[in-house]
């Protein structure tokens, strides 16, 4: 998910870029933006950088284990081939 502070900063930046005449509606606009952007980002099903890094580590370990198992299988297959009459 997107960091709550990042979302607040984005909303603040957008609301500050409003023309002077719209400043009186700033709080309403910020509240509406908060709701819309929160729903939008929730639907995107985003993950944090930390979650991504954890999954990268899991994937690397899985690949390493797969390579080990492939080598073990190749040795076993070779052993069977060597012992056939």
PDB file of N, CA and C in Angstrom:
ATOM      1  N   UNK A   1       0.830  -1.181   0.000  1.00  0.00           N
ATOM      2  CA  UNK A   1       0.000   0.000   0.000  1.00  0.00           C
ATOM      3  C   UNK A   1       0.874   1.245   0.000  1.00  0.00           C
ATOM      4  N   UNK A   2       0.279   2.325  -0.461  1.00  0.00           N
ATOM      5  CA  UNK A   2       1.006   3.592  -0.440  1.00  0.00           C
ATOM      6  C   UNK A   2       1.053   4.111   0.988  1.00  0.00           C
ATOM      7  N   UNK A   3       2.138   4.708   1.338  1.00  0.00           N
ATOM      8  CA  UNK A   3       2.329   5.269   2.672  1.00  0.00           C
ATOM      9  C   UNK A   3       1.316   6.391   2.901  1.00  0.00           C
ATOM     10  N   UNK A   4       0.720   6.397   4.093  1.00  0.00           N
ATOM     11  CA  UNK A   4      -0.291   7.403   4.428  1.00  0.00           C
ATOM     12  C   UNK A   4       0.285   8.812   4.311  1.00  0.00           C
ATOM     13  N   UNK A   5       1.513   9.004   4.735  1.00  0.00           N
ATOM     14  CA  UNK A   5       2.133  10.332   4.657  1.00  0.00           C
ATOM     15  C   UNK A   5       2.326  10.756   3.210  1.00  0.00           C
ATOM     16  N   UNK A   6       2.693   9.820   2.342  1.00  0.00           N
ATOM     17  CA  UNK A   6       2.851  10.140   0.930  1.00  0.00           C
ATOM     18  C   UNK A   6       1.523  10.574   0.329  1.00  0.00           C
ATOM     19  N   UNK A   7       0.452   9.890   0.722  1.00  0.00           N
ATOM     20  CA  UNK A   7      -0.875  10.241   0.239  1.00  0.00           C
ATOM     21  C   UNK A   7      -1.258  11.643   0.712  1.00  0.00           C
ATOM     22  N   UNK A   8      -0.995  11.936   1.976  1.00  0.00           N
ATOM     23  CA  UNK A   8      -1.286  13.274   2.515  1.00  0.00           C
ATOM     24  C   UNK A   8      -0.484  14.341   1.771  1.00  0.00           C
ATOM     25  N   UNK A   9       0.775  14.062   1.501  1.00  0.00           N
ATOM     26  CA  UNK A   9       1.621  15.019   0.778  1.00  0.00           C
ATOM     27  C   UNK A   9       1.092  15.264  -0.633  1.00  0.00           C
ATOM     28  N   UNK A  10       0.659  14.201  -1.298  1.00  0.00           N
ATOM     29  CA  UNK A  10       0.103  14.325  -2.641  1.00  0.00           C
ATOM     30  C   UNK A  10      -1.157  15.183  -2.620  1.00  0.00           C
ATOM     31  N   UNK A  11      -2.031  14.920  -1.676  1.00  0.00           N
ATOM     32  CA  UNK A  11      -3.276  15.685  -1.561  1.00  0.00           C
ATOM     33  C   UNK A  11      -2.973  17.150  -1.261  1.00  0.00           C
ATOM     34  N   UNK A  12      -2.061  17.401  -0.350  1.00  0.00           N
ATOM     35  CA  UNK A  12      -1.690  18.773  -0.001  1.00  0.00           C
ATOM     36  C   UNK A  12      -1.124  19.497  -1.221  1.00  0.00           C
ATOM     37  N   UNK A  13      -0.281  18.809  -1.964  1.00  0.00           N
ATOM     38  CA  UNK A  13       0.310  19.406  -3.154  1.00  0.00           C
ATOM     39  C   UNK A  13      -0.761  19.744  -4.185  1.00  0.00           C
ATOM     40  N   UNK A  14      -1.695  18.820  -4.388  1.00  0.00           N
ATOM     41  CA  UNK A  14      -2.775  19.071  -5.342  1.00  0.00           C
ATOM     42  C   UNK A  14      -3.659  20.223  -4.889  1.00  0.00           C
ATOM     43  N   UNK A  15      -3.994  20.258  -3.615  1.00  0.00           N
ATOM     44  CA  UNK A  15      -4.882  21.318  -3.129  1.00  0.00           C
ATOM     45  C   UNK A  15      -4.188  22.680  -3.141  1.00  0.00           C
ATOM     46  N   UNK A  16      -2.884  22.714  -2.933  1.00  0.00           N
ATOM     47  CA  UNK A  16      -2.159  23.986  -2.963  1.00  0.00           C
ATOM     48  C   UNK A  16      -2.019  24.531  -4.378  1.00  0.00           C
ATOM     49  N   UNK A  17      -2.172  23.663  -5.358  1.00  0.00           N
ATOM     50  CA  UNK A  17      -2.061  24.117  -6.742  1.00  0.00           C
ATOM     51  C   UNK A  17      -3.382  24.672  -7.272  1.00  0.00           C
ATOM     52  N   UNK A  18      -4.408  24.690  -6.431  1.00  0.00           N
ATOM     53  CA  UNK A  18      -5.700  25.233  -6.837  1.00  0.00           C
ATOM     54  C   UNK A  18      -5.600  26.743  -7.031  1.00  0.00           C
ATOM     55  N   UNK A  19      -6.408  27.281  -7.940  1.00  0.00           N
ATOM     56  CA  UNK A  19      -6.428  28.736  -8.095  1.00  0.00           C
ATOM     57  C   UNK A  19      -6.947  29.407  -6.821  1.00  0.00           C
ATOM     58  N   UNK A  20      -6.622  30.668  -6.647  1.00  0.00           N
ATOM     59  CA  UNK A  20      -6.992  31.394  -5.430  1.00  0.00           C
ATOM     60  C   UNK A  20      -8.484  31.339  -5.136  1.00  0.00           C
ATOM     61  N   UNK A  21      -9.324  31.408  -6.130  1.00  0.00           N
ATOM     62  CA  UNK A  21     -10.770  31.387  -5.919  1.00  0.00           C
ATOM     63  C   UNK A  21     -11.265  30.076  -5.343  1.00  0.00           C
ATOM     64  N   UNK A  22     -10.537  29.009  -5.555  1.00  0.00           N
ATOM     65  CA  UNK A  22     -10.964  27.690  -5.087  1.00  0.00           C
ATOM     66  C   UNK A  22     -10.431  27.364  -3.699  1.00  0.00           C
ATOM     67  N   UNK A  23      -9.622  28.233  -3.143  1.00  0.00           N
ATOM     68  CA  UNK A  23      -9.019  27.953  -1.841  1.00  0.00           C
ATOM     69  C   UNK A  23     -10.056  27.806  -0.732  1.00  0.00           C
ATOM     70  N   UNK A  24     -11.197  28.472  -0.865  1.00  0.00           N
ATOM     71  CA  UNK A  24     -12.226  28.363   0.166  1.00  0.00           C
ATOM     72  C   UNK A  24     -12.807  26.953   0.233  1.00  0.00           C
ATOM     73  N   UNK A  25     -12.676  26.213  -0.835  1.00  0.00           N
ATOM     74  CA  UNK A  25     -13.186  24.845  -0.873  1.00  0.00           C
ATOM     75  C   UNK A  25     -12.085  23.823  -0.599  1.00  0.00           C
ATOM     76  N   UNK A  26     -10.935  24.305  -0.203  1.00  0.00           N
ATOM     77  CA  UNK A  26      -9.752  23.457  -0.042  1.00  0.00           C
ATOM     78  C   UNK A  26     -10.017  22.234   0.843  1.00  0.00           C
ATOM     79  N   UNK A  27     -10.622  22.414   2.009  1.00  0.00           N
ATOM     80  CA  UNK A  27     -10.844  21.296   2.942  1.00  0.00           C
ATOM     81  C   UNK A  27     -11.755  20.241   2.322  1.00  0.00           C
ATOM     82  N   UNK A  28     -12.831  20.687   1.654  1.00  0.00           N
ATOM     83  CA  UNK A  28     -13.727  19.739   0.993  1.00  0.00           C
ATOM     84  C   UNK A  28     -12.993  18.981  -0.107  1.00  0.00           C
ATOM     85  N   UNK A  29     -12.196  19.711  -0.862  1.00  0.00           N
ATOM     86  CA  UNK A  29     -11.446  19.082  -1.948  1.00  0.00           C
ATOM     87  C   UNK A  29     -10.437  18.083  -1.381  1.00  0.00           C
ATOM     88  N   UNK A  30      -9.751  18.452  -0.316  1.00  0.00           N
ATOM     89  CA  UNK A  30      -8.788  17.537   0.305  1.00  0.00           C
ATOM     90  C   UNK A  30      -9.478  16.272   0.807  1.00  0.00           C
ATOM     91  N   UNK A  31     -10.634  16.424   1.440  1.00  0.00           N
ATOM     92  CA  UNK A  31     -11.372  15.251   1.937  1.00  0.00           C
ATOM     93  C   UNK A  31     -11.814  14.350   0.799  1.00  0.00           C
ATOM     94  N   UNK A  32     -12.318  14.961  -0.277  1.00  0.00           N
ATOM     95  CA  UNK A  32     -12.756  14.165  -1.424  1.00  0.00           C
ATOM     96  C   UNK A  32     -11.575  13.474  -2.100  1.00  0.00           C
ATOM     97  N   UNK A  33     -10.476  14.206  -2.238  1.00  0.00           N
ATOM     98  CA  UNK A  33      -9.282  13.592  -2.822  1.00  0.00           C
ATOM     99  C   UNK A  33      -8.787  12.431  -1.965  1.00  0.00           C
ATOM    100  N   UNK A  34      -8.821  12.616  -0.654  1.00  0.00           N
ATOM    101  CA  UNK A  34      -8.395  11.556   0.271  1.00  0.00           C
ATOM    102  C   UNK A  34      -9.204  10.287   0.024  1.00  0.00           C
ATOM    103  N   UNK A  35     -10.515  10.434  -0.064  1.00  0.00           N
ATOM    104  CA  UNK A  35     -11.386   9.272  -0.258  1.00  0.00           C
ATOM    105  C   UNK A  35     -11.150   8.622  -1.615  1.00  0.00           C
ATOM    106  N   UNK A  36     -11.103   9.433  -2.655  1.00  0.00           N
ATOM    107  CA  UNK A  36     -10.934   8.901  -4.009  1.00  0.00           C
ATOM    108  C   UNK A  36      -9.576   8.222  -4.172  1.00  0.00           C
ATOM    109  N   UNK A  37      -8.519   8.884  -3.735  1.00  0.00           N
ATOM    110  CA  UNK A  37      -7.181   8.307  -3.894  1.00  0.00           C
ATOM    111  C   UNK A  37      -6.988   7.067  -3.025  1.00  0.00           C
ATOM    112  N   UNK A  38      -7.547   7.068  -1.840  1.00  0.00           N
ATOM    113  CA  UNK A  38      -7.445   5.882  -0.977  1.00  0.00           C
ATOM    114  C   UNK A  38      -8.107   4.683  -1.632  1.00  0.00           C
ATOM    115  N   UNK A  39      -9.296   4.887  -2.187  1.00  0.00           N
ATOM    116  CA  UNK A  39      -9.989   3.792  -2.874  1.00  0.00           C
ATOM    117  C   UNK A  39      -9.211   3.346  -4.107  1.00  0.00           C
ATOM    118  N   UNK A  40      -8.690   4.306  -4.852  1.00  0.00           N
ATOM    119  CA  UNK A  40      -7.939   3.986  -6.063  1.00  0.00           C
ATOM    120  C   UNK A  40      -6.719   3.130  -5.745  1.00  0.00           C
ATOM    121  N   UNK A  41      -5.931   3.568  -4.767  1.00  0.00           N
ATOM    122  CA  UNK A  41      -4.725   2.822  -4.423  1.00  0.00           C
ATOM    123  C   UNK A  41      -5.052   1.481  -3.776  1.00  0.00           C
ATOM    124  N   UNK A  42      -6.149   1.395  -3.045  1.00  0.00           N
ATOM    125  CA  UNK A  42      -6.550   0.119  -2.441  1.00  0.00           C
ATOM    126  C   UNK A  42      -6.894  -0.892  -3.528  1.00  0.00           C
ATOM    127  N   UNK A  43      -7.537  -0.437  -4.587  1.00  0.00           N
ATOM    128  CA  UNK A  43      -7.894  -1.335  -5.686  1.00  0.00           C
ATOM    129  C   UNK A  43      -6.679  -1.795  -6.473  1.00  0.00           C
ATOM    130  N   UNK A  44      -5.626  -1.012  -6.466  1.00  0.00           N
ATOM    131  CA  UNK A  44      -4.411  -1.403  -7.182  1.00  0.00           C
ATOM    132  C   UNK A  44      -3.684  -2.549  -6.495  1.00  0.00           C
ATOM    133  N   UNK A  45      -4.004  -2.790  -5.235  1.00  0.00           N
ATOM    134  CA  UNK A  45      -3.387  -3.872  -4.471  1.00  0.00           C
ATOM    135  C   UNK A  45      -1.860  -3.759  -4.503  1.00  0.00           C
ATOM    136  N   UNK A  46      -1.368  -2.584  -4.167  1.00  0.00           N
ATOM    137  CA  UNK A  46       0.070  -2.316  -4.158  1.00  0.00           C
ATOM    138  C   UNK A  46       0.728  -2.936  -2.933  1.00  0.00           C
ATOM    139  N   UNK A  47       2.015  -3.190  -3.047  1.00  0.00           N
ATOM    140  CA  UNK A  47       2.780  -3.688  -1.902  1.00  0.00           C
ATOM    141  C   UNK A  47       3.859  -2.670  -1.563  1.00  0.00           C
ATOM    142  N   UNK A  48       4.350  -2.758  -0.345  1.00  0.00           N
ATOM    143  CA  UNK A  48       5.417  -1.852   0.071  1.00  0.00           C
ATOM    144  C   UNK A  48       6.747  -2.336  -0.492  1.00  0.00           C
ATOM    145  N   UNK A  49       7.728  -1.480  -0.473  1.00  0.00           N
ATOM    146  CA  UNK A  49       9.079  -1.843  -0.916  1.00  0.00           C
ATOM    147  C   UNK A  49       9.608  -2.993  -0.067  1.00  0.00           C
ATOM    148  N   UNK A  50       9.326  -2.940   1.241  1.00  0.00           N
ATOM    149  CA  UNK A  50       9.781  -3.999   2.150  1.00  0.00           C
ATOM    150  C   UNK A  50       9.172  -5.347   1.763  1.00  0.00           C
ATOM    151  N   UNK A  51       7.868  -5.365   1.464  1.00  0.00           N
ATOM    152  CA  UNK A  51       7.220  -6.614   1.062  1.00  0.00           C
ATOM    153  C   UNK A  51       7.811  -7.133  -0.245  1.00  0.00           C
ATOM    154  N   UNK A  52       8.110  -6.230  -1.163  1.00  0.00           N
ATOM    155  CA  UNK A  52       8.715  -6.623  -2.428  1.00  0.00           C
ATOM    156  C   UNK A  52      10.094  -7.234  -2.209  1.00  0.00           C
ATOM    157  N   UNK A  53      10.893  -6.627  -1.351  1.00  0.00           N
ATOM    158  CA  UNK A  53      12.234  -7.141  -1.074  1.00  0.00           C
ATOM    159  C   UNK A  53      12.174  -8.528  -0.436  1.00  0.00           C
ATOM    160  N   UNK A  54      11.223  -8.738   0.462  1.00  0.00           N
ATOM    161  CA  UNK A  54      11.060 -10.051   1.094  1.00  0.00           C
ATOM    162  C   UNK A  54      10.734 -11.093   0.034  1.00  0.00           C
ATOM    163  N   UNK A  55       9.828 -10.760  -0.879  1.00  0.00           N
ATOM    164  CA  UNK A  55       9.451 -11.713  -1.919  1.00  0.00           C
ATOM    165  C   UNK A  55      10.605 -11.980  -2.883  1.00  0.00           C
ATOM    166  N   UNK A  56      11.432 -10.980  -3.144  1.00  0.00           N
ATOM    167  CA  UNK A  56      12.606 -11.196  -3.990  1.00  0.00           C
ATOM    168  C   UNK A  56      13.566 -12.177  -3.336  1.00  0.00           C
ATOM    169  N   UNK A  57      13.743 -12.064  -2.025  1.00  0.00           N
ATOM    170  CA  UNK A  57      14.617 -12.989  -1.300  1.00  0.00           C
ATOM    171  C   UNK A  57      14.052 -14.405  -1.333  1.00  0.00           C
ATOM    172  N   UNK A  58      12.750 -14.531  -1.145  1.00  0.00           N
ATOM    173  CA  UNK A  58      12.103 -15.848  -1.195  1.00  0.00           C
ATOM    174  C   UNK A  58      12.296 -16.455  -2.578  1.00  0.00           C
ATOM    175  N   UNK A  59      12.106 -15.662  -3.612  1.00  0.00           N
ATOM    176  CA  UNK A  59      12.273 -16.149  -4.977  1.00  0.00           C
ATOM    177  C   UNK A  59      13.712 -16.591  -5.237  1.00  0.00           C
ATOM    178  N   UNK A  60      14.676 -15.838  -4.769  1.00  0.00           N
ATOM    179  CA  UNK A  60      16.086 -16.201  -4.964  1.00  0.00           C
ATOM    180  C   UNK A  60      16.403 -17.527  -4.280  1.00  0.00           C
ATOM    181  N   UNK A  61      15.909 -17.708  -3.054  1.00  0.00           N
ATOM    182  CA  UNK A  61      16.143 -18.976  -2.340  1.00  0.00           C
ATOM    183  C   UNK A  61      15.443 -20.133  -3.057  1.00  0.00           C
ATOM    184  N   UNK A  62      14.263 -19.880  -3.571  1.00  0.00           N
ATOM    185  CA  UNK A  62      13.521 -20.923  -4.280  1.00  0.00           C
ATOM    186  C   UNK A  62      14.255 -21.329  -5.552  1.00  0.00           C
ATOM    187  N   UNK A  63      14.763 -20.352  -6.277  1.00  0.00           N
ATOM    188  CA  UNK A  63      15.529 -20.658  -7.496  1.00  0.00           C
ATOM    189  C   UNK A  63      16.775 -21.470  -7.168  1.00  0.00           C
ATOM    190  N   UNK A  64      17.458 -21.096  -6.099  1.00  0.00           N
ATOM    191  CA  UNK A  64      18.663 -21.820  -5.689  1.00  0.00           C
ATOM    192  C   UNK A  64      18.313 -23.265  -5.344  1.00  0.00           C
ATOM    193  N   UNK A  65      17.245 -23.456  -4.609  1.00  0.00           N
ATOM    194  CA  UNK A  65      16.826 -24.807  -4.224  1.00  0.00           C
ATOM    195  C   UNK A  65      16.421 -25.612  -5.455  1.00  0.00           C
ATOM    196  N   UNK A  66      15.738 -24.986  -6.397  1.00  0.00           N
ATOM    197  CA  UNK A  66      15.352 -25.664  -7.627  1.00  0.00           C
ATOM    198  C   UNK A  66      16.585 -26.127  -8.402  1.00  0.00           C
ATOM    199  N   UNK A  67      17.597 -25.284  -8.490  1.00  0.00           N
ATOM    200  CA  UNK A  67      18.831 -25.667  -9.175  1.00  0.00           C
ATOM    201  C   UNK A  67      19.493 -26.857  -8.486  1.00  0.00           C
ATOM    202  N   UNK A  68      19.498 -26.858  -7.150  1.00  0.00           N
ATOM    203  CA  UNK A  68      20.072 -27.979  -6.405  1.00  0.00           C
ATOM    204  C   UNK A  68      19.307 -29.267  -6.699  1.00  0.00           C
ATOM    205  N   UNK A  69      17.998 -29.179  -6.709  1.00  0.00           N
ATOM    206  CA  UNK A  69      17.185 -30.366  -6.966  1.00  0.00           C
ATOM    207  C   UNK A  69      17.353 -30.860  -8.401  1.00  0.00           C
ATOM    208  N   UNK A  70      17.494 -29.936  -9.349  1.00  0.00           N
ATOM    209  CA  UNK A  70      17.729 -30.336 -10.738  1.00  0.00           C
ATOM    210  C   UNK A  70      19.061 -31.066 -10.868  1.00  0.00           C
ATOM    211  N   UNK A  71      20.085 -30.581 -10.173  1.00  0.00           N
ATOM    212  CA  UNK A  71      21.387 -31.249 -10.206  1.00  0.00           C
ATOM    213  C   UNK A  71      21.307 -32.629  -9.559  1.00  0.00           C
ATOM    214  N   UNK A  72      20.595 -32.718  -8.455  1.00  0.00           N
ATOM    215  CA  UNK A  72      20.437 -34.002  -7.769  1.00  0.00           C
ATOM    216  C   UNK A  72      19.698 -34.989  -8.668  1.00  0.00           C
ATOM    217  N   UNK A  73      18.655 -34.524  -9.335  1.00  0.00           N
ATOM    218  CA  UNK A  73      17.902 -35.385 -10.242  1.00  0.00           C
ATOM    219  C   UNK A  73      18.786 -35.856 -11.396  1.00  0.00           C
ATOM    220  N   UNK A  74      19.590 -34.961 -11.940  1.00  0.00           N
ATOM    221  CA  UNK A  74      20.483 -35.333 -13.037  1.00  0.00           C
ATOM    222  C   UNK A  74      21.476 -36.400 -12.586  1.00  0.00           C
ATOM    223  N   UNK A  75      22.003 -36.268 -11.369  1.00  0.00           N
ATOM    224  CA  UNK A  75      22.933 -37.285 -10.846  1.00  0.00           C
ATOM    225  C   UNK A  75      22.228 -38.630 -10.669  1.00  0.00           C
ATOM    226  N   UNK A  76      21.012 -38.607 -10.148  1.00  0.00           N
ATOM    227  CA  UNK A  76      20.266 -39.854  -9.958  1.00  0.00           C
ATOM    228  C   UNK A  76      19.947 -40.516 -11.294  1.00  0.00           C
ATOM    229  N   UNK A  77      19.556 -39.709 -12.272  1.00  0.00           N
ATOM    230  CA  UNK A  77      19.274 -40.259 -13.598  1.00  0.00           C
ATOM    231  C   UNK A  77      20.533 -40.858 -14.207  1.00  0.00           C
ATOM    232  N   UNK A  78      21.655 -40.172 -14.040  1.00  0.00           N
ATOM    233  CA  UNK A  78      22.917 -40.689 -14.565  1.00  0.00           C
ATOM    234  C   UNK A  78      23.298 -41.980 -13.859  1.00  0.00           C
ATOM    235  N   UNK A  79      23.074 -42.035 -12.563  1.00  0.00           N
ATOM    236  CA  UNK A  79      23.372 -43.235 -11.790  1.00  0.00           C
ATOM    237  C   UNK A  79      22.540 -44.411 -12.285  1.00  0.00           C
ATOM    238  N   UNK A  80      21.272 -44.176 -12.563  1.00  0.00           N
ATOM    239  CA  UNK A  80      20.413 -45.244 -13.089  1.00  0.00           C
ATOM    240  C   UNK A  80      20.885 -45.692 -14.467  1.00  0.00           C
ATOM    241  N   UNK A  81      21.273 -44.747 -15.297  1.00  0.00           N
ATOM    242  CA  UNK A  81      21.751 -45.068 -16.640  1.00  0.00           C
ATOM    243  C   UNK A  81      23.044 -45.874 -16.562  1.00  0.00           C
ATOM    244  N   UNK A  82      23.930 -45.519 -15.654  1.00  0.00           N
ATOM    245  CA  UNK A  82      25.212 -46.208 -15.509  1.00  0.00           C
ATOM    246  C   UNK A  82      25.039 -47.641 -15.014  1.00  0.00           C
ATOM    247  N   UNK A  83      23.997 -47.923 -14.252  1.00  0.00           N
ATOM    248  CA  UNK A  83      23.809 -49.239 -13.659  1.00  0.00           C
ATOM    249  C   UNK A  83      22.859 -50.135 -14.447  1.00  0.00           C
ATOM    250  N   UNK A  84      22.436 -49.711 -15.610  1.00  0.00           N
ATOM    251  CA  UNK A  84      21.576 -50.567 -16.430  1.00  0.00           C
ATOM    252  C   UNK A  84      22.449 -51.518 -17.243  1.00  0.00           C
ATOM    253  N   UNK A  85      21.958 -52.773 -17.418  1.00  0.00           N
ATOM    254  CA  UNK A  85      22.768 -53.752 -18.181  1.00  0.00           C
ATOM    255  C   UNK A  85      22.858 -53.448 -19.653  1.00  0.00           C
TER     256      UNK A  85
END
